[in-house]
C-alpha atoms as a PDB file:
ATOM      1  CA  MET A   1       0.994  17.738 -28.077  1.00  0.00           C
ATOM      2  CA  LYS A   2       2.305  14.474 -27.372  1.00  0.00           C
ATOM      3  CA  ILE A   3       6.425  15.011 -26.448  1.00  0.00           C
ATOM      4  CA  HIS A   4       8.657  12.959 -28.942  1.00  0.00           C
ATOM      5  CA  PRO A   5       9.085   8.888 -27.917  1.00  0.00           C
ATOM      6  CA  HIS A   6      12.902   9.862 -27.632  1.00  0.00           C
ATOM      7  CA  ASP A   7      12.705  12.540 -25.118  1.00  0.00           C
ATOM      8  CA  ALA A   8      10.458  10.469 -23.162  1.00  0.00           C
ATOM      9  CA  GLU A   9      13.307   7.962 -22.961  1.00  0.00           C
ATOM     10  CA  ARG A  10      15.350  10.110 -21.945  1.00  0.00           C
ATOM     11  CA  ILE A  11      13.247  11.503 -18.899  1.00  0.00           C
ATOM     12  CA  GLU A  12      12.927   8.027 -17.943  1.00  0.00           C
ATOM     13  CA  GLN A  13      16.667   7.338 -18.352  1.00  0.00           C
ATOM     14  CA  PHE A  14      17.108  10.318 -15.792  1.00  0.00           C
ATOM     15  CA  ILE A  15      14.651   9.081 -13.227  1.00  0.00           C
ATOM     16  CA  GLU A  16      16.635   5.916 -13.060  1.00  0.00           C
ATOM     17  CA  HIS A  17      19.760   7.688 -12.585  1.00  0.00           C
ATOM     18  CA  LEU A  18      18.444  10.118  -9.601  1.00  0.00           C
ATOM     19  CA  TRP A  19      17.270   6.483  -7.585  1.00  0.00           C
ATOM     20  CA  LEU A  20      20.335   4.691  -8.539  1.00  0.00           C
ATOM     21  CA  ALA A  21      23.022   7.505  -7.850  1.00  0.00           C
ATOM     22  CA  HIS A  22      21.027   9.210  -5.289  1.00  0.00           C
ATOM     23  CA  GLY A  23      18.035   6.959  -3.714  1.00  0.00           C
ATOM     24  CA  VAL A  24      15.736   9.386  -4.709  1.00  0.00           C
ATOM     25  CA  SER A  25      12.129   8.857  -3.604  1.00  0.00           C
ATOM     26  CA  GLU A  26       9.552   7.204  -5.401  1.00  0.00           C
ATOM     27  CA  ASN A  27       6.947  10.395  -4.686  1.00  0.00           C
ATOM     28  CA  THR A  28       9.741  12.933  -5.712  1.00  0.00           C
ATOM     29  CA  GLN A  29      10.338  10.775  -9.305  1.00  0.00           C
ATOM     30  CA  ALA A  30       6.784  10.789 -10.269  1.00  0.00           C
ATOM     31  CA  ALA A  31       6.999  14.604  -9.638  1.00  0.00           C
ATOM     32  CA  TYR A  32      10.212  15.186 -11.383  1.00  0.00           C
ATOM     33  CA  ARG A  33       8.600  12.589 -14.279  1.00  0.00           C
ATOM     34  CA  SER A  34       5.408  14.999 -14.102  1.00  0.00           C
ATOM     35  CA  ASP A  35       7.254  17.916 -14.274  1.00  0.00           C
ATOM     36  CA  LEU A  36       9.927  17.239 -17.251  1.00  0.00           C
ATOM     37  CA  LYS A  37       6.723  15.762 -19.412  1.00  0.00           C
ATOM     38  CA  LYS A  38       4.845  18.951 -19.106  1.00  0.00           C
ATOM     39  CA  PHE A  39       8.069  21.201 -19.964  1.00  0.00           C
ATOM     40  CA  CYS A  40       8.757  18.544 -23.504  1.00  0.00           C
ATOM     41  CA  GLU A  41       4.722  18.922 -24.338  1.00  0.00           C
ATOM     42  CA  PHE A  42       5.458  22.750 -24.310  1.00  0.00           C
ATOM     43  CA  LEU A  43       8.555  22.166 -26.009  1.00  0.00           C
ATOM     44  CA  SER A  44       7.021  20.155 -28.906  1.00  0.00           C
ATOM     45  CA  GLU A  45       4.543  22.889 -29.452  1.00  0.00           C
ATOM     46  CA  GLN A  46       7.519  25.091 -30.270  1.00  0.00           C
ATOM     47  CA  ARG A  47       8.488  22.299 -32.511  1.00  0.00           C
ATOM     48  CA  VAL A  48      11.561  22.323 -30.122  1.00  0.00           C
ATOM     49  CA  GLY A  49      13.276  18.597 -28.836  1.00  0.00           C
ATOM     50  CA  LEU A  50      14.851  18.346 -25.088  1.00  0.00           C
ATOM     51  CA  THR A  51      18.372  18.235 -26.814  1.00  0.00           C
ATOM     52  CA  GLN A  52      17.921  21.431 -28.230  1.00  0.00           C
ATOM     53  CA  VAL A  53      16.516  23.660 -24.757  1.00  0.00           C
ATOM     54  CA  SER A  54      17.868  26.765 -24.273  1.00  0.00           C
ATOM     55  CA  ALA A  55      18.111  29.725 -21.788  1.00  0.00           C
ATOM     56  CA  GLN A  56      14.927  31.024 -23.139  1.00  0.00           C
ATOM     57  CA  ALA A  57      12.866  28.375 -23.646  1.00  0.00           C
ATOM     58  CA  VAL A  58      12.977  28.107 -20.102  1.00  0.00           C
ATOM     59  CA  GLN A  59      12.375  31.469 -19.724  1.00  0.00           C
ATOM     60  CA  ASP A  60       9.928  31.331 -21.947  1.00  0.00           C
ATOM     61  CA  TYR A  61       8.187  28.380 -20.304  1.00  0.00           C
ATOM     62  CA  LEU A  62       8.236  30.306 -17.022  1.00  0.00           C
ATOM     63  CA  LEU A  63       6.764  33.133 -18.471  1.00  0.00           C
ATOM     64  CA  TRP A  64       3.695  30.443 -19.593  1.00  0.00           C
ATOM     65  CA  ARG A  65       2.977  29.019 -16.532  1.00  0.00           C
ATOM     66  CA  ARG A  66       2.944  32.447 -14.717  1.00  0.00           C
ATOM     67  CA  THR A  67      -0.064  33.362 -17.525  1.00  0.00           C
ATOM     68  CA  GLN A  68      -1.667  29.972 -16.571  1.00  0.00           C
ATOM     69  CA  GLY A  69      -1.490  31.157 -12.887  1.00  0.00           C
ATOM     70  CA  LEU A  70       0.456  27.835 -11.791  1.00  0.00           C
ATOM     71  CA  SER A  71       1.846  28.694  -7.951  1.00  0.00           C
ATOM     72  CA  PRO A  72       5.451  29.527  -7.238  1.00  0.00           C
ATOM     73  CA  ARG A  73       6.192  26.376  -5.367  1.00  0.00           C
ATOM     74  CA  SER A  74       5.343  23.814  -8.284  1.00  0.00           C
ATOM     75  CA  THR A  75       7.597  26.356 -10.301  1.00  0.00           C
ATOM     76  CA  SER A  76      10.263  26.101  -7.713  1.00  0.00           C
ATOM     77  CA  ARG A  77       9.675  21.899  -7.957  1.00  0.00           C
ATOM     78  CA  PHE A  78      10.102  22.140 -11.536  1.00  0.00           C
ATOM     79  CA  LEU A  79      13.512  24.096 -11.336  1.00  0.00           C
ATOM     80  CA  SER A  80      14.649  21.593  -8.975  1.00  0.00           C
ATOM     81  CA  ALA A  81      14.086  18.998 -11.574  1.00  0.00           C
ATOM     82  CA  MET A  82      15.788  20.742 -14.360  1.00  0.00           C
ATOM     83  CA  LYS A  83      18.772  21.735 -12.096  1.00  0.00           C
ATOM     84  CA  LYS A  84      18.893  17.733 -11.050  1.00  0.00           C
ATOM     85  CA  LEU A  85      18.540  17.052 -14.875  1.00  0.00           C
ATOM     86  CA  THR A  86      20.885  19.223 -16.274  1.00  0.00           C
ATOM     87  CA  PRO A  87      24.401  18.048 -14.657  1.00  0.00           C
ATOM     88  CA  PHE A  88      23.198  14.496 -16.436  1.00  0.00           C
ATOM     89  CA  ALA A  89      22.503  15.671 -19.546  1.00  0.00           C
ATOM     90  CA  LEU A  90      25.630  17.688 -20.047  1.00  0.00           C
ATOM     91  CA  LYS A  91      27.080  14.375 -19.344  1.00  0.00           C
ATOM     92  CA  GLU A  92      25.265  12.633 -21.988  1.00  0.00           C
ATOM     93  CA  GLY A  93      25.469  14.869 -24.657  1.00  0.00           C
ATOM     94  CA  TRP A  94      21.986  16.402 -24.716  1.00  0.00           C
ATOM     95  CA  PHE A  95      22.176  19.946 -23.709  1.00  0.00           C
ATOM     96  CA  SER A  96      25.323  21.780 -24.997  1.00  0.00           C
ATOM     97  CA  SER A  97      25.004  24.347 -22.113  1.00  0.00           C
ATOM     98  CA  ASP A  98      23.503  24.787 -19.308  1.00  0.00           C
ATOM     99  CA  PRO A  99      19.888  26.421 -19.314  1.00  0.00           C
ATOM    100  CA  VAL A 100      19.128  27.105 -15.900  1.00  0.00           C
ATOM    101  CA  ALA A 101      22.783  28.179 -14.719  1.00  0.00           C
ATOM    102  CA  LYS A 102      21.385  31.974 -14.071  1.00  0.00           C
ATOM    103  CA  LEU A 103      17.887  31.004 -13.283  1.00  0.00           C
ATOM    104  CA  LYS A 104      16.775  31.548  -9.329  1.00  0.00           C
ATOM    105  CA  ARG A 105      14.075  29.541  -7.604  1.00  0.00           C
ATOM    106  CA  PRO A 106      11.168  32.147  -7.000  1.00  0.00           C
ATOM    107  CA  LYS A 107      10.753  33.143  -3.257  1.00  0.00           C
ATOM    108  CA  MET A 108       8.012  31.308  -1.254  1.00  0.00           C
ATOM    109  CA  SER A 109       6.575  32.269   2.043  1.00  0.00           C
ATOM    110  CA  PRO A 110       6.690  28.591   3.963  1.00  0.00           C
ATOM    111  CA  SER A 111       4.001  26.492   3.893  1.00  0.00           C
ATOM    112  CA  VAL A 112       2.547  26.061   6.876  1.00  0.00           C
ATOM    113  CA  PRO A 113       1.681  22.092   7.635  1.00  0.00           C
ATOM    114  CA  HIS A 114      -1.752  21.952   8.690  1.00  0.00           C
ATOM    115  CA  SER A 115      -2.170  19.697  12.024  1.00  0.00           C
ATOM    116  CA  LEU A 116      -5.087  18.151  14.126  1.00  0.00           C
ATOM    117  CA  THR A 117      -6.519  19.036  18.062  1.00  0.00           C
ATOM    118  CA  GLU A 118      -5.051  16.723  20.263  1.00  0.00           C
ATOM    119  CA  GLN A 119      -8.847  15.715  20.511  1.00  0.00           C
ATOM    120  CA  ASP A 120      -9.011  15.130  16.949  1.00  0.00           C
ATOM    121  CA  VAL A 121      -6.410  12.784  16.974  1.00  0.00           C
ATOM    122  CA  LEU A 122      -7.771  10.306  19.886  1.00  0.00           C
ATOM    123  CA  ALA A 123     -10.909  10.450  17.903  1.00  0.00           C
ATOM    124  CA  LEU A 124      -8.956   9.151  14.666  1.00  0.00           C
ATOM    125  CA  LEU A 125      -6.991   6.873  16.889  1.00  0.00           C
ATOM    126  CA  ALA A 126     -10.558   5.304  18.277  1.00  0.00           C
ATOM    127  CA  ALA A 127     -12.203   5.062  15.003  1.00  0.00           C
ATOM    128  CA  PRO A 128     -11.032   2.072  13.587  1.00  0.00           C
ATOM    129  CA  ASN A 129     -12.672  -1.055  14.714  1.00  0.00           C
ATOM    130  CA  THR A 130     -10.307  -3.459  16.591  1.00  0.00           C
ATOM    131  CA  GLU A 131     -12.446  -6.567  16.795  1.00  0.00           C
ATOM    132  CA  THR A 132     -11.499  -7.295  13.295  1.00  0.00           C
ATOM    133  CA  PRO A 133      -7.937  -7.747  12.083  1.00  0.00           C
ATOM    134  CA  ILE A 134      -8.090  -5.042   9.459  1.00  0.00           C
ATOM    135  CA  GLY A 135      -9.143  -2.535  12.279  1.00  0.00           C
ATOM    136  CA  LEU A 136      -5.913  -3.828  14.780  1.00  0.00           C
ATOM    137  CA  ARG A 137      -4.003  -3.111  11.961  1.00  0.00           C
ATOM    138  CA  ASP A 138      -5.160   0.143  11.154  1.00  0.00           C
ATOM    139  CA  ARG A 139      -5.124   0.883  15.110  1.00  0.00           C
ATOM    140  CA  ALA A 140      -1.576   0.071  15.166  1.00  0.00           C
ATOM    141  CA  MET A 141      -0.979   1.787  12.333  1.00  0.00           C
ATOM    142  CA  LEU A 142      -2.135   5.175  13.298  1.00  0.00           C
ATOM    143  CA  GLU A 143      -0.795   4.617  16.641  1.00  0.00           C
ATOM    144  CA  VAL A 144       2.637   4.181  15.643  1.00  0.00           C
ATOM    145  CA  LEU A 145       2.277   7.263  13.055  1.00  0.00           C
ATOM    146  CA  TYR A 146       1.627   9.918  16.026  1.00  0.00           C
ATOM    147  CA  ALA A 147       3.546   8.389  18.450  1.00  0.00           C
ATOM    148  CA  SER A 148       7.050   8.445  16.218  1.00  0.00           C
ATOM    149  CA  GLY A 149       6.338  11.059  13.465  1.00  0.00           C
ATOM    150  CA  LEU A 150       7.375   8.833  10.828  1.00  0.00           C
ATOM    151  CA  ARG A 151       6.461   9.846   6.926  1.00  0.00           C
ATOM    152  CA  VAL A 152       3.845   7.376   5.223  1.00  0.00           C
ATOM    153  CA  THR A 153       6.245   5.958   3.340  1.00  0.00           C
ATOM    154  CA  GLU A 154       8.274   4.870   5.796  1.00  0.00           C
ATOM    155  CA  LEU A 155       5.623   3.290   8.015  1.00  0.00           C
ATOM    156  CA  VAL A 156       4.212   1.139   5.273  1.00  0.00           C
ATOM    157  CA  ARG A 157       7.342   0.105   4.573  1.00  0.00           C
ATOM    158  CA  LEU A 158       8.486  -1.135   8.097  1.00  0.00           C
ATOM    159  CA  GLN A 159      10.043  -4.397   8.109  1.00  0.00           C
ATOM    160  CA  TYR A 160      10.548  -6.789  11.385  1.00  0.00           C
ATOM    161  CA  ASP A 161      14.196  -6.122  11.850  1.00  0.00           C
ATOM    162  CA  GLN A 162      13.342  -2.264  11.989  1.00  0.00           C
ATOM    163  CA  VAL A 163      10.927  -2.632  14.993  1.00  0.00           C
ATOM    164  CA  SER A 164      12.387  -3.448  18.538  1.00  0.00           C
ATOM    165  CA  LEU A 165       9.419  -3.886  20.847  1.00  0.00           C
ATOM    166  CA  GLN A 166      11.288  -4.641  24.259  1.00  0.00           C
ATOM    167  CA  GLN A 167      13.610  -1.305  23.629  1.00  0.00           C
ATOM    168  CA  GLY A 168      10.355   0.678  22.397  1.00  0.00           C
ATOM    169  CA  LEU A 169      11.925   1.864  19.531  1.00  0.00           C
ATOM    170  CA  VAL A 170      11.860   1.823  15.827  1.00  0.00           C
ATOM    171  CA  ARG A 171      15.459   2.203  13.282  1.00  0.00           C
ATOM    172  CA  VAL A 172      13.947   4.281  10.666  1.00  0.00           C
ATOM    173  CA  VAL A 173      15.598   4.054   6.882  1.00  0.00           C
ATOM    174  CA  GLY A 174      14.204   7.511   5.606  1.00  0.00           C
ATOM    175  CA  LYS A 175      15.088  10.200   2.614  1.00  0.00           C
ATOM    176  CA  GLY A 176      18.419   9.294   1.588  1.00  0.00           C
ATOM    177  CA  ASP A 177      19.252   6.217   3.063  1.00  0.00           C
ATOM    178  CA  LYS A 178      19.970   8.440   6.342  1.00  0.00           C
ATOM    179  CA  GLU A 179      18.898   5.893   9.614  1.00  0.00           C
ATOM    180  CA  ARG A 180      17.702   7.192  12.566  1.00  0.00           C
ATOM    181  CA  LEU A 181      15.882   5.631  15.569  1.00  0.00           C
ATOM    182  CA  VAL A 182      12.813   6.738  16.901  1.00  0.00           C
ATOM    183  CA  PRO A 183      11.243   5.984  20.453  1.00  0.00           C
ATOM    184  CA  LEU A 184       7.593   4.539  20.355  1.00  0.00           C
ATOM    185  CA  GLY A 185       6.270   5.106  23.706  1.00  0.00           C
ATOM    186  CA  GLU A 186       3.774   2.390  25.550  1.00  0.00           C
ATOM    187  CA  GLU A 187       0.594   2.727  23.921  1.00  0.00           C
ATOM    188  CA  ALA A 188       2.132   2.624  20.305  1.00  0.00           C
ATOM    189  CA  VAL A 189       4.535  -0.492  21.687  1.00  0.00           C
ATOM    190  CA  GLU A 190       0.916  -2.454  23.073  1.00  0.00           C
ATOM    191  CA  TRP A 191      -1.070  -1.892  20.202  1.00  0.00           C
ATOM    192  CA  LEU A 192       1.314  -3.072  17.784  1.00  0.00           C
ATOM    193  CA  SER A 193       2.463  -5.709  19.534  1.00  0.00           C
ATOM    194  CA  ARG A 194      -1.212  -7.065  19.829  1.00  0.00           C
ATOM    195  CA  TYR A 195      -1.576  -6.622  16.237  1.00  0.00           C
ATOM    196  CA  LEU A 196       1.262  -8.934  15.704  1.00  0.00           C
ATOM    197  CA  LYS A 197       0.025 -11.240  17.892  1.00  0.00           C
ATOM    198  CA  HIS A 198      -3.727 -11.493  17.176  1.00  0.00           C
ATOM    199  CA  GLY A 199      -4.305  -9.459  13.712  1.00  0.00           C
ATOM    200  CA  ARG A 200      -1.132  -9.885  11.617  1.00  0.00           C
ATOM    201  CA  THR A 201      -1.260 -14.121  11.605  1.00  0.00           C
ATOM    202  CA  ALA A 202      -5.113 -13.335  11.019  1.00  0.00           C
ATOM    203  CA  LEU A 203      -4.678 -10.894   7.910  1.00  0.00           C
ATOM    204  CA  SER A 204      -2.217 -13.756   6.006  1.00  0.00           C
ATOM    205  CA  ASP A 205      -0.172 -17.060   6.703  1.00  0.00           C
ATOM    206  CA  ARG A 206       2.018 -16.112   4.321  1.00  0.00           C
ATOM    207  CA  SER A 207       6.055 -15.270   5.220  1.00  0.00           C
ATOM    208  CA  SER A 208       6.817 -11.672   4.439  1.00  0.00           C
ATOM    209  CA  GLY A 209       9.210  -9.408   6.378  1.00  0.00           C
ATOM    210  CA  TRP A 210       6.766  -6.360   6.220  1.00  0.00           C
ATOM    211  CA  VAL A 211       4.942  -5.618   9.244  1.00  0.00           C
ATOM    212  CA  PHE A 212       2.138  -4.099   8.260  1.00  0.00           C
ATOM    213  CA  ILE A 213       0.247  -6.311   5.234  1.00  0.00           C
ATOM    214  CA  THR A 214      -3.098  -6.891   3.344  1.00  0.00           C
ATOM    215  CA  GLN A 215      -5.377  -9.602   3.566  1.00  0.00           C
ATOM    216  CA  ARG A 216      -3.406 -11.221   0.608  1.00  0.00           C
ATOM    217  CA  GLY A 217      -0.350 -10.714   3.007  1.00  0.00           C
ATOM    218  CA  THR A 218       0.713  -8.028   0.134  1.00  0.00           C
ATOM    219  CA  LEU A 219       2.467  -4.780   1.042  1.00  0.00           C
ATOM    220  CA  LEU A 220      -0.019  -2.196   2.269  1.00  0.00           C
ATOM    221  CA  THR A 221       0.243   0.889  -0.106  1.00  0.00           C
ATOM    222  CA  ARG A 222       0.925   4.304   0.981  1.00  0.00           C
ATOM    223  CA  GLN A 223      -2.228   5.172  -1.106  1.00  0.00           C
ATOM    224  CA  ALA A 224      -4.242   2.485   0.568  1.00  0.00           C
ATOM    225  CA  PHE A 225      -3.455   3.557   3.982  1.00  0.00           C
ATOM    226  CA  TRP A 226      -4.209   6.774   2.742  1.00  0.00           C
ATOM    227  CA  TYR A 227      -7.870   6.467   1.698  1.00  0.00           C
ATOM    228  CA  ARG A 228      -8.394   4.511   5.022  1.00  0.00           C
ATOM    229  CA  ILE A 229      -6.998   7.535   6.552  1.00  0.00           C
ATOM    230  CA  LYS A 230      -9.691   9.439   5.660  1.00  0.00           C
ATOM    231  CA  ALA A 231     -11.792   7.177   5.674  1.00  0.00           C
ATOM    232  CA  TYR A 232     -11.496   7.136   9.757  1.00  0.00           C
ATOM    233  CA  ALA A 233     -11.109  10.805  10.011  1.00  0.00           C
ATOM    234  CA  GLU A 234     -15.146  11.099   8.566  1.00  0.00           C
ATOM    235  CA  GLN A 235     -16.193   8.430  10.629  1.00  0.00           C
ATOM    236  CA  ALA A 236     -14.933  10.420  13.215  1.00  0.00           C
ATOM    237  CA  HIS A 237     -16.775  13.709  12.173  1.00  0.00           C
ATOM    238  CA  ILE A 238     -12.691  15.348  12.193  1.00  0.00           C
ATOM    239  CA  ARG A 239     -13.684  18.259   9.983  1.00  0.00           C
ATOM    240  CA  ALA A 240      -9.732  19.558   9.850  1.00  0.00           C
ATOM    241  CA  HIS A 241      -7.723  19.465   6.708  1.00  0.00           C
ATOM    242  CA  LEU A 242      -6.218  16.256   6.447  1.00  0.00           C
ATOM    243  CA  SER A 243      -3.191  15.236   4.571  1.00  0.00           C
ATOM    244  CA  PRO A 244      -1.077  12.133   4.124  1.00  0.00           C
ATOM    245  CA  HIS A 245       1.408  13.320   6.702  1.00  0.00           C
ATOM    246  CA  THR A 246      -1.463  15.057   8.780  1.00  0.00           C
ATOM    247  CA  LEU A 247      -0.294  12.617  12.052  1.00  0.00           C
ATOM    248  CA  ARG A 248       3.415  13.603  11.263  1.00  0.00           C
ATOM    249  CA  HIS A 249       2.020  16.861  11.420  1.00  0.00           C
ATOM    250  CA  ALA A 250       0.590  16.430  14.528  1.00  0.00           C
ATOM    251  CA  PHE A 251       3.474  14.472  16.246  1.00  0.00           C
ATOM    252  CA  ALA A 252       5.753  17.579  15.724  1.00  0.00           C
ATOM    253  CA  THR A 253       3.560  20.082  16.884  1.00  0.00           C
ATOM    254  CA  HIS A 254       1.994  18.348  19.883  1.00  0.00           C
ATOM    255  CA  LEU A 255       5.626  17.726  20.931  1.00  0.00           C
ATOM    256  CA  LEU A 256       6.267  21.439  20.367  1.00  0.00           C
ATOM    257  CA  ASN A 257       3.408  22.685  22.450  1.00  0.00           C
ATOM    258  CA  HIS A 258       4.301  20.418  25.394  1.00  0.00           C
ATOM    259  CA  GLY A 259       8.006  21.821  25.242  1.00  0.00           C
ATOM    260  CA  ALA A 260      10.283  19.626  23.172  1.00  0.00           C
ATOM    261  CA  ASP A 261      13.512  21.016  22.012  1.00  0.00           C
ATOM    262  CA  LEU A 262      13.562  22.144  18.441  1.00  0.00           C
ATOM    263  CA  ARG A 263      17.247  20.173  17.868  1.00  0.00           C
ATOM    264  CA  VAL A 264      15.696  17.122  18.980  1.00  0.00           C
ATOM    265  CA  LEU A 265      12.162  17.169  16.858  1.00  0.00           C
ATOM    266  CA  GLN A 266      14.805  17.327  14.054  1.00  0.00           C
ATOM    267  CA  MET A 267      16.192  14.450  14.851  1.00  0.00           C
ATOM    268  CA  LEU A 268      13.328  12.417  15.288  1.00  0.00           C
ATOM    269  CA  LEU A 269      11.643  13.580  12.136  1.00  0.00           C
ATOM    270  CA  GLY A 270      14.763  13.186  10.376  1.00  0.00           C
ATOM    271  CA  HIS A 271      15.405  16.600   8.876  1.00  0.00           C
ATOM    272  CA  SER A 272      18.468  17.220   7.503  1.00  0.00           C
ATOM    273  CA  ASP A 273      18.344  21.129   7.731  1.00  0.00           C
ATOM    274  CA  LEU A 274      16.498  22.447  10.916  1.00  0.00           C
ATOM    275  CA  SER A 275      15.178  25.588   8.890  1.00  0.00           C
ATOM    276  CA  THR A 276      12.459  22.921   7.064  1.00  0.00           C
ATOM    277  CA  THR A 277      11.731  21.815  11.635  1.00  0.00           C
ATOM    278  CA  GLN A 278      11.730  25.228  12.171  1.00  0.00           C
ATOM    279  CA  ILE A 279       7.895  25.677  10.369  1.00  0.00           C
ATOM    280  CA  TYR A 280       6.187  23.613  13.083  1.00  0.00           C
ATOM    281  CA  THR A 281       7.033  26.513  15.427  1.00  0.00           C
ATOM    282  CA  GLN A 282       4.715  28.776  13.907  1.00  0.00           C
ATOM    283  CA  VAL A 283       2.372  25.861  14.030  1.00  0.00           C
ATOM    284  CA  ALA A 284       2.592  25.581  17.740  1.00  0.00           C
ATOM    285  CA  LYS A 285       2.726  29.780  18.170  1.00  0.00           C
ATOM    286  CA  GLU A 286      -0.842  29.838  16.761  1.00  0.00           C
ATOM    287  CA  ARG A 287      -1.796  27.142  19.035  1.00  0.00           C
ATOM    288  CA  LEU A 288      -1.080  29.006  22.399  1.00  0.00           C
ATOM    289  CA  GLN A 289      -2.028  32.025  20.852  1.00  0.00           C
ATOM    290  CA  GLN A 290      -5.990  30.169  20.289  1.00  0.00           C
ATOM    291  CA  MET A 291      -5.358  28.615  23.870  1.00  0.00           C
ATOM    292  CA  HIS A 292      -4.422  31.934  25.251  1.00  0.00           C
ATOM    293  CA  ALA A 293      -7.662  33.567  23.611  1.00  0.00           C
ATOM    294  CA  ALA A 294      -9.611  30.514  24.737  1.00  0.00           C
ATOM    295  CA  PHE A 295      -8.976  30.559  28.255  1.00  0.00           C
ATOM    296  CA  HIS A 296      -7.176  33.673  29.594  1.00  0.00           C
ATOM    297  CA  PRO A 297      -9.750  35.867  31.175  1.00  0.00           C
ATOM    298  CA  ARG A 298      -8.533  38.782  29.001  1.00  0.00           C
ATOM    299  CA  GLY A 299      -7.909  37.014  26.196  1.00  0.00           C
END
């Protein structure tokens, strides 16, 4: 059953508020929009609109989600959306009371991010054909991604004034418009320089502030770059699980494996909370255990 048009309008109004007031990322906006629309579909089947939502309606929806086998993580995200929506809805007069005041998010064991071995990363970096402008661009992007631990969204939106090749630094505007300076390293600086000198102008002569562009001179999207990563991984015969943040996870894990301090890693990744960074210690621990089992004479 489709949701009421007025409820759809309210959801869009709330999403716009998130963007204007809090600078919430496009990915989070899309996730919250999807979660709230699914909730409104459930309400519509109960002949209830968003402005009539109650604590009981939310509990009924959570029970229904459980019967459908939906994950605690996605349920936690829905509750996060509702807790963000409620103050705005109360202010706008949509809600007469807080329907999620007494609800707590489901407990979850932290998900361990998938990473790549250092050999896999080297194979992935070498996959693009750097004799072509597109291949040179992709090699530079992969090198920067692995050297800096940027989020893919941060990478594709990188602009000229954020990069200092002379200093080997990139100024990143991350979540919540927080800025951080991240070193690039010699290899990434070398490939980025080669791309800017020989690849970018060959792609397009259109003037643009974006560092990484398409053949039409437009901004390369996050999704388009993700598809290219998957194609290069297949070309390099990499069988490990991949996600858009695979190289970010590899960056963090490999730094820890080589003795990086957790606080420094937190700053490089742009995490506001150290607990978010600590998940990588489990990845590094598992990797060290594998190495011990493989190479120790009594492993």
